[in-house]
Amino acid sequence: MVEEELYNLIAQVQRQKCETTYLEVKSARKGCPKVIDTLSSFSNQSGGGVILFGIDESNHYEICGVYNPAELQKKLDEQCQQMEPIPRPLITTIEIDGKIIVSAEVEEIEISRRPCYYRGTGRIGGSYVRTGDGDHKMTEYEIYSYEAYRNSIQDELRIIGRAVMEDLSADALEEYLIRLRRSKPNLAGLPMEKLLKLQGFTDQGRPTLAGTLLFGEYPQAFFPGLCITAVVIPGTEMGDTGEHGERFIDNQRIEGTIPQMLEEAMRFIRRNCAVRTIIDPVSALRKDKAEYPLVAIREILLNALLHRDYSIHTDTAPIVIQLYRNRLVVENSGGLYGKLTLDTLGAVTADTRNPFLANAMEVLGATENRFSGIPTIRKSMEEQGLPPPQFEVLRGVFRVTLYNSSTYSLPSANTGAGYAAEPSPAYGVEDPLQHKTLPAPQTAWEPMATALEDDILDFCSAPRTRQELSARFPNLTTVYLMTAYVNPLAEQGRLELSIPQKPKSKNQRFRTKRS
């Protein structure tokens, strides 16, 4: 940095009296301090960092000056030579009131060369990460994350030891291969065994993790932790309780394949999010406005399921959904992958941690796989007048937070079904033709209807077979569609069976019950 920038940095340190994620302060009044951990952590983080020598943190950040600037630089270089790869800090020296201050700007190293570590204790013991104003040893998983990217390790392709081909759903695989052959005619002539291997679903005749997560009859039999835990908290902080001491208004463990978990998680959020019903005073038409844009939530969940880390270090860690009174939080294992940073998130083409899973979900029609998810999340929040989404990386965990409007509230803790409406500001709507101010739109609060259930009921206005339902909703396997949606609608009396005495008949047809 130029001298003026260094003067400004010193003034800032003395004014704020604290270190930061990108700034370390050392007195160096009696000798060169050991800064190996800081050299490592600054080298391993985006943006690097600055070490300031000649400021005494223990004495209210007063300028004390270094003992010998030339000797200090020599000793600092000796410490750099003990690192792998070797940092090359940029040194700047200035004098204030006869006292010398030395700054060392440590640049971040290429991600393909990380982690930077102290050779004396090795990669596991000598790699550090910066958290707040301190340097902390990297976990084995954090180190593995760099190695996985550098060596192109594809954890989604690892063979599942206990799984056999019979553990995969034959119907789901057949549906997928039909779609694949339609979308990629050049693969149409290949035998099933080869297609499954090329798609990453099998290896050596055994199911892979990708194949199990996409088409397994019950993936959690092999990976109980690869699920979603979803809770609704009756307050704004974990630990808040409702009127009767309940910690959670709703609490669900969501299992199944990736497509099944996606749909079930959306059902959970629809069930627990508020919807504002607006009745237009002119047309008397009803318009529903969700607490959060559902398109944004779906993209967040897709990203969590497809881009989370699936290594042995994290296969016991579920995706977490937390719905607070004022925000929705989704967390998944695995920070940003490859060269992607929070600053470039959604602005550049990203490296893909699990390309086979992403490609398969594209074939299934669940995602475009064109890196449009983050822009969609941001745009939908802006269009609804809500705060921008907050993205965070917390030592191997990626977190997305959506904040709602202050006019929305969560389900009543008493019933878990209704929604309490907070007072809305008085306002009117001007009719441009009559130049009159009309009454404000009437609003009401109610649980959000499950959109997929409505689609099924609409589709079944004419009698439909299982095959027709499966073709209409291709993102779900036939078994899951029937078990999670169609059969419950029939049990509720909302769907009628053409052969009620034989509910499992292959000739069965389903029709929406007429009111």
Protein backbone atom coordinates (compact mmCIF):
# COMPACT_ATOMS: atom_id res chain seq x y z
CA MET A 1 0.00 0.00 0.00
CA VAL A 2 1.06 3.58 -0.45
CA GLU A 3 2.13 5.57 2.60
CA GLU A 4 -1.10 7.59 2.72
CA GLU A 5 -3.15 4.39 2.88
CA LEU A 6 -0.97 3.10 5.69
CA TYR A 7 -1.40 6.35 7.66
CA ASN A 8 -5.17 6.04 7.27
CA LEU A 9 -5.10 2.38 8.37
CA ILE A 10 -3.13 3.23 11.51
CA ALA A 11 -5.54 6.06 12.35
CA GLN A 12 -8.45 3.65 11.91
CA VAL A 13 -6.85 1.08 14.23
CA GLN A 14 -6.26 3.66 16.95
CA ARG A 15 -9.78 4.98 16.58
CA GLN A 16 -11.55 1.60 16.63
CA LYS A 17 -9.03 -0.11 18.93
CA CYS A 18 -9.55 -3.60 17.55
CA GLU A 19 -8.23 -6.12 15.09
CA THR A 20 -10.38 -7.51 12.28
CA THR A 21 -10.67 -10.48 9.97
CA TYR A 22 -8.18 -8.79 7.66
CA LEU A 23 -5.93 -7.03 10.16
CA GLU A 24 -3.48 -8.31 12.79
CA VAL A 25 -1.54 -5.97 15.11
CA LYS A 26 1.84 -6.78 16.70
CA SER A 27 4.07 -4.60 18.85
CA ALA A 28 7.49 -5.97 17.71
CA ARG A 29 9.10 -3.62 20.19
CA LYS A 30 11.60 -6.18 21.50
CA GLY A 31 11.87 -8.55 18.55
CA CYS A 32 10.01 -10.17 15.68
CA PRO A 33 6.94 -12.01 16.97
CA LYS A 34 5.89 -15.40 15.60
CA VAL A 35 3.19 -14.86 12.98
CA ILE A 36 3.14 -18.24 11.25
CA ASP A 37 -0.53 -18.85 12.07
CA THR A 38 -1.50 -15.43 10.70
CA LEU A 39 0.56 -15.91 7.54
CA SER A 40 -1.34 -19.14 6.99
CA SER A 41 -4.82 -17.77 7.70
CA PHE A 42 -4.38 -14.61 5.60
CA SER A 43 -2.99 -16.66 2.71
CA ASN A 44 -6.00 -18.98 2.90
CA GLN A 45 -8.74 -16.36 2.84
CA SER A 46 -10.18 -14.31 0.05
CA GLY A 47 -8.60 -10.86 0.10
CA GLY A 48 -5.59 -11.82 2.21
CA GLY A 49 -4.79 -9.52 5.13
CA VAL A 50 -2.38 -7.02 6.68
CA ILE A 51 -0.03 -7.44 9.65
CA LEU A 52 0.91 -4.18 11.36
CA PHE A 53 4.15 -4.22 13.39
CA GLY A 54 4.83 -1.39 15.83
CA ILE A 55 1.44 -0.95 17.52
CA ASP A 56 0.91 -2.19 21.07
CA GLU A 57 -2.49 -3.82 21.45
CA SER A 58 -2.03 -4.23 25.21
CA ASN A 59 -1.48 -0.48 25.64
CA HIS A 60 -4.65 0.81 23.96
CA TYR A 61 -3.14 0.40 20.49
CA GLU A 62 -0.50 3.06 21.06
CA ILE A 63 2.34 3.39 18.55
CA CYS A 64 5.42 1.81 20.08
CA GLY A 65 7.57 1.31 16.97
CA VAL A 66 9.52 -1.78 15.94
CA TYR A 67 12.91 -2.72 17.40
CA ASN A 68 14.75 -2.80 14.05
CA PRO A 69 12.88 -2.59 10.71
CA ALA A 70 15.61 -4.29 8.67
CA GLU A 71 16.01 -7.14 11.14
CA LEU A 72 12.22 -7.49 11.40
CA GLN A 73 11.88 -7.96 7.65
CA LYS A 74 14.63 -10.56 7.67
CA LYS A 75 12.99 -12.56 10.47
CA LEU A 76 9.58 -12.27 8.82
CA ASP A 77 11.02 -13.66 5.58
CA GLU A 78 12.53 -16.57 7.51
CA GLN A 79 9.07 -17.43 8.82
CA CYS A 80 7.61 -17.19 5.31
CA GLN A 81 10.25 -19.66 4.06
CA GLN A 82 8.89 -22.21 6.52
CA MET A 83 5.46 -22.11 4.90
CA GLU A 84 4.10 -24.16 1.97
CA PRO A 85 3.45 -22.52 -0.39
CA ILE A 86 5.68 -19.59 0.54
CA PRO A 87 3.85 -16.26 1.12
CA ARG A 88 5.42 -13.15 -0.41
CA PRO A 89 4.16 -10.22 1.71
CA LEU A 90 4.51 -6.67 0.44
CA ILE A 91 6.40 -4.55 3.00
CA THR A 92 5.74 -0.85 3.64
CA THR A 93 7.60 1.24 6.26
CA ILE A 94 6.66 4.66 7.64
CA GLU A 95 7.76 6.83 10.56
CA ILE A 96 5.40 8.53 13.00
CA ASP A 97 6.81 10.74 15.79
CA GLY A 98 10.22 9.10 15.39
CA LYS A 99 8.82 5.57 15.65
CA ILE A 100 8.91 3.07 12.78
CA ILE A 101 5.84 1.09 11.78
CA VAL A 102 6.08 -1.79 9.32
CA SER A 103 3.12 -3.26 7.43
CA ALA A 104 3.15 -6.66 5.72
CA GLU A 105 0.40 -7.19 3.14
CA VAL A 106 -0.22 -10.91 2.77
CA GLU A 107 -1.95 -11.79 -0.48
CA GLU A 108 -4.36 -14.70 -0.82
CA ILE A 109 -2.92 -17.65 -2.68
CA GLU A 110 -4.62 -19.44 -5.55
CA ILE A 111 -7.31 -21.78 -4.31
CA SER A 112 -5.72 -24.64 -6.25
CA ARG A 113 -2.62 -24.24 -4.03
CA ARG A 114 -4.41 -24.00 -0.68
CA PRO A 115 -4.11 -24.56 2.16
CA CYS A 116 -1.00 -22.61 3.01
CA TYR A 117 0.50 -24.32 6.07
CA TYR A 118 3.52 -24.39 8.35
CA ARG A 119 5.78 -27.23 7.21
CA GLY A 120 7.04 -27.85 10.75
CA THR A 121 3.69 -29.32 11.84
CA GLY A 122 2.37 -30.44 8.45
CA ARG A 123 -0.82 -29.75 6.52
CA ILE A 124 -3.18 -31.06 9.23
CA GLY A 125 -1.57 -29.27 12.16
CA GLY A 126 -0.19 -26.21 10.42
CA SER A 127 -3.14 -24.91 8.37
CA TYR A 128 -5.05 -21.95 9.81
CA VAL A 129 -8.22 -20.02 9.04
CA ARG A 130 -9.16 -16.52 10.16
CA THR A 131 -12.29 -16.21 12.26
CA GLY A 132 -13.09 -12.74 13.55
CA ASP A 133 -9.82 -11.33 14.86
CA GLY A 134 -8.22 -14.69 15.63
CA ASP A 135 -6.38 -17.49 13.84
CA HIS A 136 -7.70 -21.02 14.31
CA LYS A 137 -6.49 -24.38 13.10
CA MET A 138 -8.39 -25.71 10.14
CA THR A 139 -10.49 -28.77 10.66
CA GLU A 140 -9.70 -31.92 8.73
CA TYR A 141 -12.81 -31.28 6.65
CA GLU A 142 -11.77 -27.73 5.74
CA ILE A 143 -8.42 -29.06 4.53
CA TYR A 144 -10.14 -31.85 2.63
CA SER A 145 -12.36 -29.32 0.85
CA TYR A 146 -9.33 -27.74 -0.79
CA GLU A 147 -7.88 -31.10 -1.70
CA ALA A 148 -11.19 -32.25 -3.18
CA TYR A 149 -11.27 -29.24 -5.50
CA ARG A 150 -7.58 -29.45 -6.39
CA ASN A 151 -7.75 -33.17 -7.17
CA SER A 152 -11.28 -33.09 -8.68
CA ILE A 153 -12.58 -35.61 -6.14
CA GLN A 154 -16.20 -36.46 -6.94
CA ASP A 155 -17.79 -37.71 -3.75
CA GLU A 156 -21.16 -38.16 -5.45
CA LEU A 157 -19.64 -41.06 -7.44
CA ARG A 158 -18.45 -43.11 -4.49
CA ILE A 159 -19.88 -46.62 -4.35
CA ILE A 160 -22.27 -47.37 -1.49
CA GLY A 161 -20.89 -50.44 0.22
CA ARG A 162 -24.14 -52.00 1.46
CA ALA A 163 -26.31 -51.00 -1.48
CA VAL A 164 -27.28 -53.27 -4.37
CA MET A 165 -29.15 -52.53 -7.58
CA GLU A 166 -32.40 -53.80 -6.05
CA ASP A 167 -32.25 -50.86 -3.64
CA LEU A 168 -32.93 -48.49 -6.54
CA SER A 169 -36.47 -47.90 -7.79
CA ALA A 170 -36.86 -49.60 -11.16
CA ASP A 171 -39.82 -47.36 -12.02
CA ALA A 172 -37.90 -44.17 -11.22
CA LEU A 173 -34.89 -45.29 -13.25
CA GLU A 174 -37.08 -46.22 -16.20
CA GLU A 175 -38.82 -42.84 -16.12
CA TYR A 176 -35.48 -41.08 -16.00
CA LEU A 177 -34.01 -43.05 -18.90
CA ILE A 178 -37.06 -42.30 -21.04
CA ARG A 179 -36.54 -38.60 -20.41
CA LEU A 180 -32.79 -38.90 -21.00
CA ARG A 181 -33.22 -40.61 -24.37
CA ARG A 182 -35.70 -37.96 -25.45
CA SER A 183 -33.47 -35.06 -24.46
CA LYS A 184 -30.24 -36.67 -25.70
CA PRO A 185 -30.98 -38.77 -28.81
CA ASN A 186 -27.31 -39.70 -29.22
CA LEU A 187 -27.62 -41.84 -26.08
CA ALA A 188 -30.84 -43.56 -27.12
CA GLY A 189 -29.11 -46.65 -28.54
CA LEU A 190 -26.96 -47.39 -25.50
CA PRO A 191 -27.92 -50.24 -23.15
CA MET A 192 -29.27 -49.39 -19.70
CA GLU A 193 -26.18 -50.62 -17.85
CA LYS A 194 -23.91 -48.30 -19.80
CA LEU A 195 -26.27 -45.36 -19.50
CA LEU A 196 -26.45 -45.74 -15.74
CA LYS A 197 -22.67 -45.77 -15.47
CA LEU A 198 -22.23 -42.80 -17.81
CA GLN A 199 -24.74 -40.82 -15.77
CA GLY A 200 -22.84 -41.61 -12.56
CA PHE A 201 -25.59 -43.68 -10.97
CA THR A 202 -23.67 -46.97 -10.85
CA ASP A 203 -20.07 -48.15 -10.83
CA GLN A 204 -18.88 -51.72 -11.07
CA GLY A 205 -22.51 -52.79 -11.07
CA ARG A 206 -23.17 -51.14 -7.66
CA PRO A 207 -25.19 -48.00 -6.85
CA THR A 208 -23.26 -44.80 -6.27
CA LEU A 209 -24.21 -42.10 -3.80
CA ALA A 210 -25.70 -40.07 -6.68
CA GLY A 211 -27.79 -43.00 -7.87
CA THR A 212 -28.99 -43.75 -4.35
CA LEU A 213 -29.94 -40.15 -3.60
CA LEU A 214 -31.84 -39.82 -6.87
CA PHE A 215 -33.51 -43.19 -7.26
CA GLY A 216 -33.13 -45.09 -3.99
CA GLU A 217 -36.17 -46.72 -2.46
CA TYR A 218 -34.99 -45.29 0.87
CA PRO A 219 -31.61 -43.48 0.72
CA GLN A 220 -31.58 -42.81 4.46
CA ALA A 221 -31.16 -46.55 5.09
CA PHE A 222 -27.55 -46.00 4.06
CA PHE A 223 -27.12 -42.33 5.05
CA PRO A 224 -29.49 -41.42 7.91
CA GLY A 225 -27.97 -37.95 8.10
CA LEU A 226 -28.54 -37.04 4.47
CA CYS A 227 -31.98 -35.61 5.12
CA ILE A 228 -33.58 -32.28 5.98
CA THR A 229 -34.57 -31.16 9.47
CA ALA A 230 -37.17 -28.41 9.47
CA VAL A 231 -38.49 -26.48 12.46
CA VAL A 232 -40.72 -23.48 13.08
CA ILE A 233 -39.63 -21.40 16.07
CA PRO A 234 -42.28 -19.27 17.84
CA GLY A 235 -39.95 -16.30 18.13
CA THR A 236 -36.89 -14.67 16.62
CA GLU A 237 -34.17 -16.73 18.33
CA MET A 238 -33.60 -20.44 18.88
CA GLY A 239 -34.80 -21.24 22.38
CA ASP A 240 -37.77 -18.86 22.29
CA THR A 241 -40.94 -20.61 23.39
CA GLY A 242 -44.64 -20.13 22.73
CA GLU A 243 -47.42 -19.32 25.15
CA HIS A 244 -47.56 -22.89 26.42
CA GLY A 245 -43.80 -23.45 26.56
CA GLU A 246 -43.54 -25.16 23.18
CA ARG A 247 -40.13 -24.81 21.53
CA PHE A 248 -41.37 -25.60 18.03
CA ILE A 249 -44.66 -24.87 16.32
CA ASP A 250 -43.81 -27.50 13.72
CA ASN A 251 -40.95 -29.96 13.58
CA GLN A 252 -40.32 -32.46 10.78
CA ARG A 253 -37.55 -34.76 9.59
CA ILE A 254 -37.76 -34.89 5.80
CA GLU A 255 -36.41 -38.00 4.06
CA GLY A 256 -36.47 -39.63 0.64
CA THR A 257 -34.71 -39.00 -2.63
CA ILE A 258 -33.57 -35.52 -3.62
CA PRO A 259 -36.74 -34.84 -5.66
CA GLN A 260 -38.91 -36.15 -2.83
CA MET A 261 -37.12 -34.08 -0.17
CA LEU A 262 -37.41 -30.98 -2.35
CA GLU A 263 -41.17 -31.33 -2.71
CA GLU A 264 -41.73 -32.29 0.92
CA ALA A 265 -39.63 -29.33 2.13
CA MET A 266 -41.71 -27.02 -0.06
CA ARG A 267 -44.86 -28.50 1.47
CA PHE A 268 -43.48 -27.85 4.96
CA ILE A 269 -42.73 -24.22 4.12
CA ARG A 270 -46.09 -23.66 2.44
CA ARG A 271 -47.78 -25.13 5.48
CA ASN A 272 -45.98 -22.81 7.87
CA CYS A 273 -45.59 -19.60 5.90
CA ALA A 274 -48.23 -16.92 5.95
CA VAL A 275 -50.04 -15.75 2.86
CA ARG A 276 -51.65 -12.36 2.60
CA THR A 277 -54.98 -12.45 0.81
CA ILE A 278 -55.82 -9.18 -0.92
CA ILE A 279 -59.34 -8.54 -2.24
CA ASP A 280 -59.26 -5.92 -4.98
CA PRO A 281 -61.98 -3.33 -4.21
CA VAL A 282 -62.78 -2.79 -7.89
CA SER A 283 -62.79 -6.28 -9.35
CA ALA A 284 -63.42 -8.15 -6.08
CA LEU A 285 -60.83 -10.64 -7.28
CA ARG A 286 -58.65 -12.42 -4.73
CA LYS A 287 -54.88 -12.23 -4.92
CA ASP A 288 -52.54 -14.15 -2.61
CA LYS A 289 -49.16 -12.78 -1.64
CA ALA A 290 -46.81 -15.18 0.13
CA GLU A 291 -44.65 -14.21 3.07
CA TYR A 292 -41.59 -15.13 1.02
CA PRO A 293 -41.40 -15.66 -2.76
CA LEU A 294 -41.75 -19.40 -3.26
CA VAL A 295 -39.57 -19.32 -6.36
CA ALA A 296 -36.71 -18.04 -4.18
CA ILE A 297 -37.26 -20.73 -1.55
CA ARG A 298 -37.30 -23.47 -4.18
CA GLU A 299 -33.99 -22.23 -5.62
CA ILE A 300 -32.44 -22.12 -2.15
CA LEU A 301 -33.51 -25.68 -1.39
CA LEU A 302 -32.33 -26.91 -4.80
CA ASN A 303 -28.93 -25.31 -4.23
CA ALA A 304 -28.70 -26.87 -0.78
CA LEU A 305 -29.55 -30.35 -2.07
CA LEU A 306 -27.43 -30.25 -5.23
CA HIS A 307 -24.40 -28.25 -4.14
CA ARG A 308 -23.91 -29.36 -0.55
CA ASP A 309 -20.86 -31.44 0.33
CA TYR A 310 -21.46 -35.20 0.16
CA SER A 311 -18.07 -36.37 1.43
CA ILE A 312 -17.54 -38.76 4.31
CA HIS A 313 -16.84 -35.71 6.48
CA THR A 314 -20.39 -34.38 6.18
CA ASP A 315 -22.67 -37.33 5.36
CA THR A 316 -24.07 -37.26 8.90
CA ALA A 317 -25.03 -33.58 8.69
CA PRO A 318 -28.58 -32.81 7.48
CA ILE A 319 -29.72 -29.71 5.67
CA VAL A 320 -31.37 -27.40 8.20
CA ILE A 321 -34.48 -25.26 7.68
CA GLN A 322 -35.35 -22.82 10.47
CA LEU A 323 -38.45 -20.67 10.15
CA TYR A 324 -38.44 -17.82 12.66
CA ARG A 325 -41.04 -15.13 13.13
CA ASN A 326 -38.96 -12.66 11.13
CA ARG A 327 -36.79 -14.79 8.84
CA LEU A 328 -36.22 -18.07 7.06
CA VAL A 329 -32.80 -19.72 7.39
CA VAL A 330 -31.45 -22.62 5.30
CA GLU A 331 -28.04 -24.17 6.05
CA ASN A 332 -26.12 -26.92 4.29
CA SER A 333 -22.69 -28.50 4.71
CA GLY A 334 -20.02 -27.30 2.33
CA GLY A 335 -18.92 -23.73 1.83
CA LEU A 336 -18.59 -22.13 -1.57
CA TYR A 337 -16.89 -24.52 -3.95
CA GLY A 338 -13.84 -23.78 -6.06
CA LYS A 339 -13.01 -20.20 -6.97
CA LEU A 340 -16.44 -18.84 -6.11
CA THR A 341 -16.60 -16.14 -3.42
CA LEU A 342 -19.46 -14.30 -1.78
CA ASP A 343 -18.59 -11.25 -3.89
CA THR A 344 -18.91 -13.20 -7.14
CA LEU A 345 -21.88 -15.34 -6.08
CA GLY A 346 -24.45 -15.22 -8.86
CA ALA A 347 -22.27 -13.01 -11.05
CA VAL A 348 -19.92 -15.59 -12.59
CA THR A 349 -20.18 -19.16 -13.81
CA ALA A 350 -19.46 -21.30 -10.79
CA ASP A 351 -17.56 -24.54 -10.40
CA THR A 352 -19.98 -27.39 -9.70
CA ARG A 353 -19.29 -29.65 -6.74
CA ASN A 354 -21.77 -32.35 -7.81
CA PRO A 355 -22.15 -32.17 -11.62
CA PHE A 356 -23.82 -35.58 -11.98
CA LEU A 357 -26.56 -34.71 -9.50
CA ALA A 358 -27.06 -31.32 -11.16
CA ASN A 359 -27.25 -32.84 -14.64
CA ALA A 360 -29.72 -35.50 -13.51
CA MET A 361 -32.04 -32.92 -11.95
CA GLU A 362 -31.89 -30.97 -15.21
CA VAL A 363 -33.03 -34.05 -17.11
CA LEU A 364 -35.86 -34.44 -14.58
CA GLY A 365 -36.88 -30.86 -15.24
CA ALA A 366 -36.30 -29.65 -11.69
CA THR A 367 -33.57 -27.15 -12.55
CA GLU A 368 -32.19 -25.36 -15.58
CA ASN A 369 -28.61 -25.86 -14.42
CA ARG A 370 -27.68 -22.51 -15.95
CA PHE A 371 -26.45 -20.80 -12.77
CA SER A 372 -29.56 -18.58 -12.67
CA GLY A 373 -30.58 -19.55 -9.13
CA ILE A 374 -28.89 -16.76 -7.15
CA PRO A 375 -30.07 -13.97 -9.51
CA THR A 376 -33.59 -15.42 -9.32
CA ILE A 377 -33.51 -15.38 -5.52
CA ARG A 378 -32.32 -11.78 -5.44
CA LYS A 379 -34.78 -10.58 -8.08
CA SER A 380 -37.82 -12.24 -6.55
CA MET A 381 -37.05 -10.75 -3.12
CA GLU A 382 -36.65 -7.31 -4.66
CA GLU A 383 -39.89 -7.62 -6.63
CA GLN A 384 -41.77 -8.46 -3.45
CA GLY A 385 -40.31 -5.47 -1.66
CA LEU A 386 -38.35 -7.59 0.83
CA PRO A 387 -34.75 -7.11 2.04
CA PRO A 388 -32.01 -8.68 -0.11
CA PRO A 389 -31.12 -12.29 0.72
CA GLN A 390 -28.16 -12.74 3.03
CA PHE A 391 -25.50 -15.30 2.04
CA GLU A 392 -22.86 -16.45 4.53
CA VAL A 393 -20.02 -18.96 4.66
CA LEU A 394 -19.31 -20.17 8.20
CA ARG A 395 -16.37 -22.59 8.30
CA GLY A 396 -17.74 -25.30 6.05
CA VAL A 397 -21.40 -24.28 6.25
CA PHE A 398 -23.31 -22.25 3.68
CA ARG A 399 -26.23 -20.25 5.04
CA VAL A 400 -28.99 -18.32 3.29
CA THR A 401 -31.32 -16.02 5.23
CA LEU A 402 -34.50 -14.41 3.92
CA TYR A 403 -36.09 -11.66 5.99
CA ASN A 404 -39.82 -11.05 5.79
CA SER A 405 -41.90 -7.90 6.01
CA SER A 406 -42.86 -6.68 9.47
CA THR A 407 -46.52 -7.05 8.48
CA TYR A 408 -46.24 -10.84 8.35
CA SER A 409 -46.54 -13.16 11.30
CA LEU A 410 -46.17 -16.89 11.83
CA PRO A 411 -48.97 -19.30 12.79
CA SER A 412 -50.58 -18.79 16.15
CA ALA A 413 -48.84 -20.84 18.83
CA ASN A 414 -52.26 -21.70 20.25
CA THR A 415 -53.66 -23.52 17.22
CA GLY A 416 -50.76 -23.91 14.82
CA ALA A 417 -53.25 -23.34 12.03
CA GLY A 418 -54.38 -19.73 11.93
CA TYR A 419 -52.41 -16.58 11.25
CA ALA A 420 -52.65 -13.44 13.29
CA ALA A 421 -52.78 -10.32 11.15
CA GLU A 422 -50.87 -7.31 12.36
CA PRO A 423 -52.50 -3.94 11.71
CA SER A 424 -51.83 -2.60 8.25
CA PRO A 425 -51.36 1.13 7.63
CA ALA A 426 -54.42 2.92 6.36
CA TYR A 427 -54.31 3.59 2.68
CA GLY A 428 -56.62 4.06 -0.28
CA VAL A 429 -56.65 3.19 -3.95
CA GLU A 430 -57.51 5.94 -6.41
CA ASP A 431 -59.79 5.11 -9.32
CA PRO A 432 -58.25 7.01 -12.27
CA LEU A 433 -61.60 7.08 -14.14
CA GLN A 434 -63.84 8.47 -11.40
CA HIS A 435 -61.12 10.35 -9.48
CA LYS A 436 -62.42 8.83 -6.29
CA THR A 437 -60.51 7.20 -3.50
CA LEU A 438 -61.80 3.68 -3.05
CA PRO A 439 -61.68 1.67 0.17
CA ALA A 440 -58.42 -0.10 0.91
CA PRO A 441 -58.22 -3.72 -0.28
CA GLN A 442 -59.47 -6.18 2.31
CA THR A 443 -56.80 -8.51 3.60
CA ALA A 444 -56.87 -11.77 5.48
CA TRP A 445 -54.33 -14.23 6.76
CA GLU A 446 -54.56 -17.98 6.22
CA PRO A 447 -52.32 -20.99 5.69
CA MET A 448 -50.96 -21.29 2.19
CA ALA A 449 -52.63 -24.01 0.13
CA THR A 450 -50.35 -26.67 -1.25
CA ALA A 451 -49.93 -25.72 -4.89
CA LEU A 452 -49.20 -29.28 -6.02
CA GLU A 453 -52.42 -30.55 -4.42
CA ASP A 454 -54.35 -27.87 -6.28
CA ASP A 455 -52.67 -28.89 -9.53
CA ILE A 456 -53.61 -32.55 -8.95
CA LEU A 457 -57.23 -31.67 -8.24
CA ASP A 458 -57.37 -29.46 -11.30
CA PHE A 459 -55.82 -32.16 -13.51
CA CYS A 460 -58.26 -34.75 -12.16
CA SER A 461 -61.31 -32.76 -13.16
CA ALA A 462 -61.46 -35.56 -15.73
CA PRO A 463 -60.76 -39.15 -14.59
CA ARG A 464 -56.99 -39.89 -14.62
CA THR A 465 -54.97 -43.08 -14.33
CA ARG A 466 -51.77 -43.51 -12.34
CA GLN A 467 -49.82 -43.38 -15.58
CA GLU A 468 -51.44 -40.11 -16.62
CA LEU A 469 -50.76 -38.58 -13.21
CA SER A 470 -47.14 -39.70 -13.36
CA ALA A 471 -46.70 -38.19 -16.82
CA ARG A 472 -48.26 -34.92 -15.65
CA PHE A 473 -45.95 -34.64 -12.63
CA PRO A 474 -42.62 -36.07 -13.87
CA ASN A 475 -40.49 -34.55 -11.10
CA LEU A 476 -41.91 -37.09 -8.64
CA THR A 477 -41.66 -40.84 -8.83
CA THR A 478 -44.97 -42.65 -9.24
CA VAL A 479 -44.68 -44.28 -5.81
CA TYR A 480 -44.00 -40.99 -4.05
CA LEU A 481 -46.69 -39.11 -5.98
CA MET A 482 -49.30 -41.66 -5.01
CA THR A 483 -48.16 -42.06 -1.40
CA ALA A 484 -47.60 -38.42 -0.51
CA TYR A 485 -50.33 -36.71 -2.54
CA VAL A 486 -52.92 -38.73 -4.46
CA ASN A 487 -53.80 -41.29 -1.77
CA PRO A 488 -54.12 -38.65 1.00
CA LEU A 489 -56.42 -36.59 -1.24
CA ALA A 490 -58.54 -39.69 -1.77
CA GLU A 491 -58.63 -40.40 1.98
CA GLN A 492 -59.75 -36.81 2.59
CA GLY A 493 -62.62 -37.36 0.16
CA ARG A 494 -61.31 -34.78 -2.30
CA LEU A 495 -60.60 -37.40 -4.95
CA GLU A 496 -63.00 -40.18 -5.97
CA LEU A 497 -61.92 -43.65 -7.08
CA SER A 498 -63.54 -45.25 -10.08
CA ILE A 499 -63.11 -48.69 -8.45
CA PRO A 500 -63.34 -47.96 -4.70
CA GLN A 501 -63.55 -51.63 -3.75
CA LYS A 502 -60.14 -52.23 -5.39
CA PRO A 503 -58.03 -49.16 -4.60
CA LYS A 504 -54.83 -50.73 -6.00
CA SER A 505 -56.36 -51.85 -9.27
CA LYS A 506 -54.23 -51.09 -12.34
CA ASN A 507 -57.40 -49.80 -14.00
CA GLN A 508 -58.07 -47.34 -11.20
CA ARG A 509 -58.95 -43.77 -12.17
CA PHE A 510 -58.99 -40.72 -9.94
CA ARG A 511 -61.42 -37.84 -10.29
CA THR A 512 -61.93 -34.66 -8.30
CA LYS A 513 -65.04 -34.95 -6.17
CA ARG A 514 -67.75 -32.63 -7.32
CA SER A 515 -69.20 -30.32 -4.71
